[in-house]
Amino acid sequence: APLVQRPVVVAGVSGSSWGETVILHASELAAD
């Protein structure tokens, strides 16, 4: 059977300290 690609939650980050919060929120959303 072909591999089924799971959906992704995409987190956009720049070179600033805001990225950690974005990544953690996106990770929780992906798990949900």
PDB file of all heavy atoms in Angstrom:
ATOM      1  N   ALA A   1       0.836  -1.192   0.000  1.00  0.00           N
ATOM      2  CA  ALA A   1       0.000   0.000   0.000  1.00  0.00           C
ATOM      3  C   ALA A   1       0.876   1.249   0.000  1.00  0.00           C
ATOM      4  O   ALA A   1       1.940   1.270   0.620  1.00  0.00           O
ATOM      5  CB  ALA A   1      -0.916   0.004   1.218  1.00  0.00           C
ATOM      6  N   PRO A   2       0.445   2.297  -0.689  1.00  0.00           N
ATOM      7  CA  PRO A   2       1.233   3.536  -0.691  1.00  0.00           C
ATOM      8  C   PRO A   2       1.253   4.177   0.685  1.00  0.00           C
ATOM      9  O   PRO A   2       0.356   3.965   1.504  1.00  0.00           O
ATOM     10  CB  PRO A   2       0.495   4.417  -1.705  1.00  0.00           C
ATOM     11  CG  PRO A   2      -0.912   3.888  -1.710  1.00  0.00           C
ATOM     12  CD  PRO A   2      -0.786   2.408  -1.483  1.00  0.00           C
ATOM     13  N   LEU A   3       2.291   4.935   0.933  1.00  0.00           N
ATOM     14  CA  LEU A   3       2.362   5.666   2.196  1.00  0.00           C
ATOM     15  C   LEU A   3       1.325   6.777   2.197  1.00  0.00           C
ATOM     16  O   LEU A   3       1.177   7.498   1.214  1.00  0.00           O
ATOM     17  CB  LEU A   3       3.747   6.284   2.394  1.00  0.00           C
ATOM     18  CG  LEU A   3       4.908   5.326   2.695  1.00  0.00           C
ATOM     19  CD1 LEU A   3       6.190   6.128   2.857  1.00  0.00           C
ATOM     20  CD2 LEU A   3       4.630   4.523   3.950  1.00  0.00           C
ATOM     21  N   VAL A   4       0.606   6.888   3.272  1.00  0.00           N
ATOM     22  CA  VAL A   4      -0.387   7.947   3.406  1.00  0.00           C
ATOM     23  C   VAL A   4       0.268   9.092   4.170  1.00  0.00           C
ATOM     24  O   VAL A   4       0.686   8.936   5.313  1.00  0.00           O
ATOM     25  CB  VAL A   4      -1.642   7.455   4.155  1.00  0.00           C
ATOM     26  CG1 VAL A   4      -2.625   8.604   4.335  1.00  0.00           C
ATOM     27  CG2 VAL A   4      -2.279   6.303   3.396  1.00  0.00           C
ATOM     28  N   GLN A   5       0.359  10.235   3.502  1.00  0.00           N
ATOM     29  CA  GLN A   5       0.986  11.395   4.132  1.00  0.00           C
ATOM     30  C   GLN A   5       0.009  12.053   5.090  1.00  0.00           C
ATOM     31  O   GLN A   5      -1.085  12.452   4.706  1.00  0.00           O
ATOM     32  CB  GLN A   5       1.423  12.399   3.060  1.00  0.00           C
ATOM     33  CG  GLN A   5       2.304  13.514   3.592  1.00  0.00           C
ATOM     34  CD  GLN A   5       2.744  14.453   2.493  1.00  0.00           C
ATOM     35  OE1 GLN A   5       1.942  15.080   1.831  1.00  0.00           O
ATOM     36  NE2 GLN A   5       4.059  14.547   2.301  1.00  0.00           N
ATOM     37  N   ARG A   6       0.414  12.145   6.349  1.00  0.00           N
ATOM     38  CA  ARG A   6      -0.465  12.762   7.338  1.00  0.00           C
ATOM     39  C   ARG A   6      -0.528  14.265   7.120  1.00  0.00           C
ATOM     40  O   ARG A   6       0.398  14.869   6.585  1.00  0.00           O
ATOM     41  CB  ARG A   6       0.074  12.480   8.741  1.00  0.00           C
ATOM     42  CG  ARG A   6       0.052  11.019   9.121  1.00  0.00           C
ATOM     43  CD  ARG A   6      -0.190  10.790  10.591  1.00  0.00           C
ATOM     44  NE  ARG A   6       0.522  11.677  11.499  1.00  0.00           N
ATOM     45  CZ  ARG A   6       0.222  11.766  12.795  1.00  0.00           C
ATOM     46  NH1 ARG A   6      -0.769  11.056  13.289  1.00  0.00           N
ATOM     47  NH2 ARG A   6       0.903  12.571  13.590  1.00  0.00           N
ATOM     48  N   PRO A   7      -1.629  14.879   7.523  1.00  0.00           N
ATOM     49  CA  PRO A   7      -1.688  16.344   7.463  1.00  0.00           C
ATOM     50  C   PRO A   7      -0.606  16.951   8.352  1.00  0.00           C
ATOM     51  O   PRO A   7      -0.083  16.302   9.253  1.00  0.00           O
ATOM     52  CB  PRO A   7      -3.092  16.664   7.999  1.00  0.00           C
ATOM     53  CG  PRO A   7      -3.852  15.382   7.932  1.00  0.00           C
ATOM     54  CD  PRO A   7      -2.855  14.288   8.081  1.00  0.00           C
ATOM     55  N   VAL A   8      -0.285  18.210   8.079  1.00  0.00           N
ATOM     56  CA  VAL A   8       0.716  18.902   8.883  1.00  0.00           C
ATOM     57  C   VAL A   8       0.140  20.212   9.411  1.00  0.00           C
ATOM     58  O   VAL A   8      -0.702  20.835   8.773  1.00  0.00           O
ATOM     59  CB  VAL A   8       2.001  19.208   8.082  1.00  0.00           C
ATOM     60  CG1 VAL A   8       2.717  17.942   7.696  1.00  0.00           C
ATOM     61  CG2 VAL A   8       1.703  20.068   6.861  1.00  0.00           C
ATOM     62  N   VAL A   9       0.582  20.568  10.609  1.00  0.00           N
ATOM     63  CA  VAL A   9       0.354  21.911  11.131  1.00  0.00           C
ATOM     64  C   VAL A   9       1.655  22.668  10.901  1.00  0.00           C
ATOM     65  O   VAL A   9       2.718  22.230  11.346  1.00  0.00           O
ATOM     66  CB  VAL A   9      -0.016  21.899  12.620  1.00  0.00           C
ATOM     67  CG1 VAL A   9      -0.032  23.324  13.176  1.00  0.00           C
ATOM     68  CG2 VAL A   9      -1.374  21.243  12.820  1.00  0.00           C
ATOM     69  N   VAL A  10       1.571  23.766  10.173  1.00  0.00           N
ATOM     70  CA  VAL A  10       2.762  24.523   9.785  1.00  0.00           C
ATOM     71  C   VAL A  10       2.958  25.707  10.727  1.00  0.00           C
ATOM     72  O   VAL A  10       2.072  26.556  10.865  1.00  0.00           O
ATOM     73  CB  VAL A  10       2.648  25.028   8.338  1.00  0.00           C
ATOM     74  CG1 VAL A  10       3.878  25.861   7.972  1.00  0.00           C
ATOM     75  CG2 VAL A  10       2.488  23.856   7.373  1.00  0.00           C
ATOM     76  N   ALA A  11       4.115  25.740  11.369  1.00  0.00           N
ATOM     77  CA  ALA A  11       4.484  26.860  12.233  1.00  0.00           C
ATOM     78  C   ALA A  11       5.494  27.720  11.493  1.00  0.00           C
ATOM     79  O   ALA A  11       6.517  27.221  11.026  1.00  0.00           O
ATOM     80  CB  ALA A  11       5.085  26.359  13.539  1.00  0.00           C
ATOM     81  N   GLY A  12       5.201  28.997  11.369  1.00  0.00           N
ATOM     82  CA  GLY A  12       6.126  29.914  10.725  1.00  0.00           C
ATOM     83  C   GLY A  12       6.953  30.653  11.759  1.00  0.00           C
ATOM     84  O   GLY A  12       6.404  31.274  12.672  1.00  0.00           O
ATOM     85  N   VAL A  13       8.282  30.566  11.653  1.00  0.00           N
ATOM     86  CA  VAL A  13       9.153  31.227  12.636  1.00  0.00           C
ATOM     87  C   VAL A  13      10.149  32.131  11.921  1.00  0.00           C
ATOM     88  O   VAL A  13      10.571  31.866  10.801  1.00  0.00           O
ATOM     89  CB  VAL A  13       9.919  30.214  13.514  1.00  0.00           C
ATOM     90  CG1 VAL A  13       8.969  29.375  14.331  1.00  0.00           C
ATOM     91  CG2 VAL A  13      10.821  29.318  12.661  1.00  0.00           C
ATOM     92  N   SER A  14      10.512  33.209  12.600  1.00  0.00           N
ATOM     93  CA  SER A  14      11.559  34.107  12.124  1.00  0.00           C
ATOM     94  C   SER A  14      12.717  34.020  13.100  1.00  0.00           C
ATOM     95  O   SER A  14      12.698  33.223  14.033  1.00  0.00           O
ATOM     96  CB  SER A  14      11.022  35.541  12.048  1.00  0.00           C
ATOM     97  OG  SER A  14      10.695  36.011  13.353  1.00  0.00           O
ATOM     98  N   GLY A  15      13.736  34.863  12.875  1.00  0.00           N
ATOM     99  CA  GLY A  15      14.886  34.840  13.774  1.00  0.00           C
ATOM    100  C   GLY A  15      14.659  35.679  15.004  1.00  0.00           C
ATOM    101  O   GLY A  15      15.510  36.478  15.397  1.00  0.00           O
ATOM    102  N   SER A  16      13.504  35.525  15.649  1.00  0.00           N
ATOM    103  CA  SER A  16      13.213  36.260  16.878  1.00  0.00           C
ATOM    104  C   SER A  16      12.786  35.279  17.954  1.00  0.00           C
ATOM    105  O   SER A  16      12.505  34.111  17.683  1.00  0.00           O
ATOM    106  CB  SER A  16      12.090  37.281  16.641  1.00  0.00           C
ATOM    107  OG  SER A  16      10.833  36.627  16.552  1.00  0.00           O
ATOM    108  N   SER A  17      12.692  35.753  19.182  1.00  0.00           N
ATOM    109  CA  SER A  17      12.385  34.880  20.313  1.00  0.00           C
ATOM    110  C   SER A  17      10.923  34.444  20.338  1.00  0.00           C
ATOM    111  O   SER A  17      10.541  33.642  21.179  1.00  0.00           O
ATOM    112  CB  SER A  17      12.732  35.585  21.632  1.00  0.00           C
ATOM    113  OG  SER A  17      11.977  36.779  21.772  1.00  0.00           O
ATOM    114  N   TRP A  18      10.119  34.958  19.427  1.00  0.00           N
ATOM    115  CA  TRP A  18       8.708  34.572  19.411  1.00  0.00           C
ATOM    116  C   TRP A  18       8.505  33.127  18.960  1.00  0.00           C
ATOM    117  O   TRP A  18       7.453  32.528  19.183  1.00  0.00           O
ATOM    118  CB  TRP A  18       7.922  35.482  18.471  1.00  0.00           C
ATOM    119  CG  TRP A  18       7.905  36.928  18.850  1.00  0.00           C
ATOM    120  CD1 TRP A  18       8.859  37.625  19.542  1.00  0.00           C
ATOM    121  CD2 TRP A  18       6.866  37.871  18.579  1.00  0.00           C
ATOM    122  NE1 TRP A  18       8.502  38.921  19.708  1.00  0.00           N
ATOM    123  CE2 TRP A  18       7.273  39.111  19.120  1.00  0.00           C
ATOM    124  CE3 TRP A  18       5.644  37.785  17.925  1.00  0.00           C
ATOM    125  CZ2 TRP A  18       6.499  40.258  19.023  1.00  0.00           C
ATOM    126  CZ3 TRP A  18       4.875  38.932  17.820  1.00  0.00           C
ATOM    127  CH2 TRP A  18       5.293  40.154  18.371  1.00  0.00           C
ATOM    128  N   GLY A  19       9.510  32.570  18.276  1.00  0.00           N
ATOM    129  CA  GLY A  19       9.326  31.270  17.640  1.00  0.00           C
ATOM    130  C   GLY A  19       9.021  30.134  18.588  1.00  0.00           C
ATOM    131  O   GLY A  19       8.291  29.205  18.249  1.00  0.00           O
ATOM    132  N   GLU A  20       9.569  30.177  19.796  1.00  0.00           N
ATOM    133  CA  GLU A  20       9.347  29.073  20.731  1.00  0.00           C
ATOM    134  C   GLU A  20       7.864  28.903  21.039  1.00  0.00           C
ATOM    135  O   GLU A  20       7.327  27.791  21.003  1.00  0.00           O
ATOM    136  CB  GLU A  20      10.130  29.291  22.021  1.00  0.00           C
ATOM    137  CG  GLU A  20       9.932  28.154  23.022  1.00  0.00           C
ATOM    138  CD  GLU A  20      10.725  28.364  24.301  1.00  0.00           C
ATOM    139  OE1 GLU A  20      11.170  29.500  24.554  1.00  0.00           O
ATOM    140  OE2 GLU A  20      10.896  27.393  25.042  1.00  0.00           O
ATOM    141  N   THR A  21       7.189  30.006  21.318  1.00  0.00           N
ATOM    142  CA  THR A  21       5.767  29.935  21.627  1.00  0.00           C
ATOM    143  C   THR A  21       4.979  29.429  20.428  1.00  0.00           C
ATOM    144  O   THR A  21       4.040  28.636  20.571  1.00  0.00           O
ATOM    145  CB  THR A  21       5.244  31.325  22.049  1.00  0.00           C
ATOM    146  OG1 THR A  21       6.022  31.790  23.150  1.00  0.00           O
ATOM    147  CG2 THR A  21       3.782  31.259  22.469  1.00  0.00           C
ATOM    148  N   VAL A  22       5.358  29.887  19.229  1.00  0.00           N
ATOM    149  CA  VAL A  22       4.692  29.443  18.004  1.00  0.00           C
ATOM    150  C   VAL A  22       4.858  27.936  17.826  1.00  0.00           C
ATOM    151  O   VAL A  22       3.891  27.214  17.535  1.00  0.00           O
ATOM    152  CB  VAL A  22       5.259  30.198  16.788  1.00  0.00           C
ATOM    153  CG1 VAL A  22       4.721  29.612  15.485  1.00  0.00           C
ATOM    154  CG2 VAL A  22       4.914  31.684  16.871  1.00  0.00           C
ATOM    155  N   ILE A  23       6.080  27.440  18.020  1.00  0.00           N
ATOM    156  CA  ILE A  23       6.343  26.010  17.829  1.00  0.00           C
ATOM    157  C   ILE A  23       5.584  25.169  18.849  1.00  0.00           C
ATOM    158  O   ILE A  23       4.962  24.149  18.509  1.00  0.00           O
ATOM    159  CB  ILE A  23       7.855  25.737  17.915  1.00  0.00           C
ATOM    160  CG1 ILE A  23       8.575  26.376  16.729  1.00  0.00           C
ATOM    161  CG2 ILE A  23       8.131  24.225  17.944  1.00  0.00           C
ATOM    162  CD1 ILE A  23      10.087  26.346  16.845  1.00  0.00           C
ATOM    163  N   LEU A  24       5.615  25.570  20.107  1.00  0.00           N
ATOM    164  CA  LEU A  24       4.935  24.797  21.142  1.00  0.00           C
ATOM    165  C   LEU A  24       3.427  24.765  20.915  1.00  0.00           C
ATOM    166  O   LEU A  24       2.775  23.725  21.080  1.00  0.00           O
ATOM    167  CB  LEU A  24       5.258  25.376  22.525  1.00  0.00           C
ATOM    168  CG  LEU A  24       6.720  25.249  22.977  1.00  0.00           C
ATOM    169  CD1 LEU A  24       6.931  25.971  24.301  1.00  0.00           C
ATOM    170  CD2 LEU A  24       7.130  23.789  23.091  1.00  0.00           C
ATOM    171  N   HIS A  25       2.851  25.894  20.511  1.00  0.00           N
ATOM    172  CA  HIS A  25       1.414  25.934  20.236  1.00  0.00           C
ATOM    173  C   HIS A  25       1.086  25.053  19.033  1.00  0.00           C
ATOM    174  O   HIS A  25       0.094  24.296  19.063  1.00  0.00           O
ATOM    175  CB  HIS A  25       0.963  27.372  19.979  1.00  0.00           C
ATOM    176  CG  HIS A  25      -0.516  27.496  19.737  1.00  0.00           C
ATOM    177  ND1 HIS A  25      -1.439  27.565  20.771  1.00  0.00           N
ATOM    178  CD2 HIS A  25      -1.238  27.535  18.586  1.00  0.00           C
ATOM    179  CE1 HIS A  25      -2.661  27.647  20.261  1.00  0.00           C
ATOM    180  NE2 HIS A  25      -2.561  27.646  18.932  1.00  0.00           N
ATOM    181  N   ALA A  26       1.912  25.132  17.996  1.00  0.00           N
ATOM    182  CA  ALA A  26       1.676  24.320  16.806  1.00  0.00           C
ATOM    183  C   ALA A  26       1.797  22.834  17.116  1.00  0.00           C
ATOM    184  O   ALA A  26       1.047  22.006  16.587  1.00  0.00           O
ATOM    185  CB  ALA A  26       2.655  24.713  15.705  1.00  0.00           C
ATOM    186  N   SER A  27       2.735  22.472  18.009  1.00  0.00           N
ATOM    187  CA  SER A  27       2.898  21.075  18.386  1.00  0.00           C
ATOM    188  C   SER A  27       1.652  20.547  19.099  1.00  0.00           C
ATOM    189  O   SER A  27       1.190  19.429  18.836  1.00  0.00           O
ATOM    190  CB  SER A  27       4.125  20.920  19.289  1.00  0.00           C
ATOM    191  OG  SER A  27       4.264  19.593  19.750  1.00  0.00           O
ATOM    192  N   GLU A  28       1.106  21.347  20.005  1.00  0.00           N
ATOM    193  CA  GLU A  28      -0.118  20.945  20.702  1.00  0.00           C
ATOM    194  C   GLU A  28      -1.286  20.816  19.722  1.00  0.00           C
ATOM    195  O   GLU A  28      -2.087  19.879  19.809  1.00  0.00           O
ATOM    196  CB  GLU A  28      -0.452  21.974  21.783  1.00  0.00           C
ATOM    197  CG  GLU A  28       0.558  22.010  22.929  1.00  0.00           C
ATOM    198  CD  GLU A  28       0.279  23.139  23.898  1.00  0.00           C
ATOM    199  OE1 GLU A  28      -0.700  23.882  23.678  1.00  0.00           O
ATOM    200  OE2 GLU A  28       1.039  23.288  24.884  1.00  0.00           O
ATOM    201  N   LEU A  29      -1.367  21.765  18.798  1.00  0.00           N
ATOM    202  CA  LEU A  29      -2.437  21.719  17.806  1.00  0.00           C
ATOM    203  C   LEU A  29      -2.309  20.492  16.911  1.00  0.00           C
ATOM    204  O   LEU A  29      -3.301  19.834  16.575  1.00  0.00           O
ATOM    205  CB  LEU A  29      -2.398  23.000  16.960  1.00  0.00           C
ATOM    206  CG  LEU A  29      -3.557  23.229  15.980  1.00  0.00           C
ATOM    207  CD1 LEU A  29      -4.878  23.324  16.721  1.00  0.00           C
ATOM    208  CD2 LEU A  29      -3.298  24.494  15.167  1.00  0.00           C
ATOM    209  N   ALA A  30      -1.081  20.153  16.535  1.00  0.00           N
ATOM    210  CA  ALA A  30      -0.852  18.969  15.704  1.00  0.00           C
ATOM    211  C   ALA A  30      -1.267  17.697  16.435  1.00  0.00           C
ATOM    212  O   ALA A  30      -1.898  16.805  15.849  1.00  0.00           O
ATOM    213  CB  ALA A  30       0.622  18.899  15.305  1.00  0.00           C
ATOM    214  N   ALA A  31      -0.927  17.606  17.722  1.00  0.00           N
ATOM    215  CA  ALA A  31      -1.313  16.429  18.500  1.00  0.00           C
ATOM    216  C   ALA A  31      -2.834  16.313  18.600  1.00  0.00           C
ATOM    217  O   ALA A  31      -3.388  15.221  18.484  1.00  0.00           O
ATOM    218  CB  ALA A  31      -0.688  16.508  19.890  1.00  0.00           C
ATOM    219  N   ASP A  32      -3.500  17.442  18.803  1.00  0.00           N
ATOM    220  CA  ASP A  32      -4.960  17.430  18.917  1.00  0.00           C
ATOM    221  C   ASP A  32      -5.632  17.012  17.615  1.00  0.00           C
ATOM    222  O   ASP A  32      -6.727  16.435  17.627  1.00  0.00           O
ATOM    223  CB  ASP A  32      -5.481  18.820  19.328  1.00  0.00           C
ATOM    224  CG  ASP A  32      -5.100  19.185  20.754  1.00  0.00           C
ATOM    225  OD1 ASP A  32      -4.741  18.270  21.518  1.00  0.00           O
ATOM    226  OD2 ASP A  32      -5.140  20.382  21.086  1.00  0.00           O
TER     227      ASP A  32
END
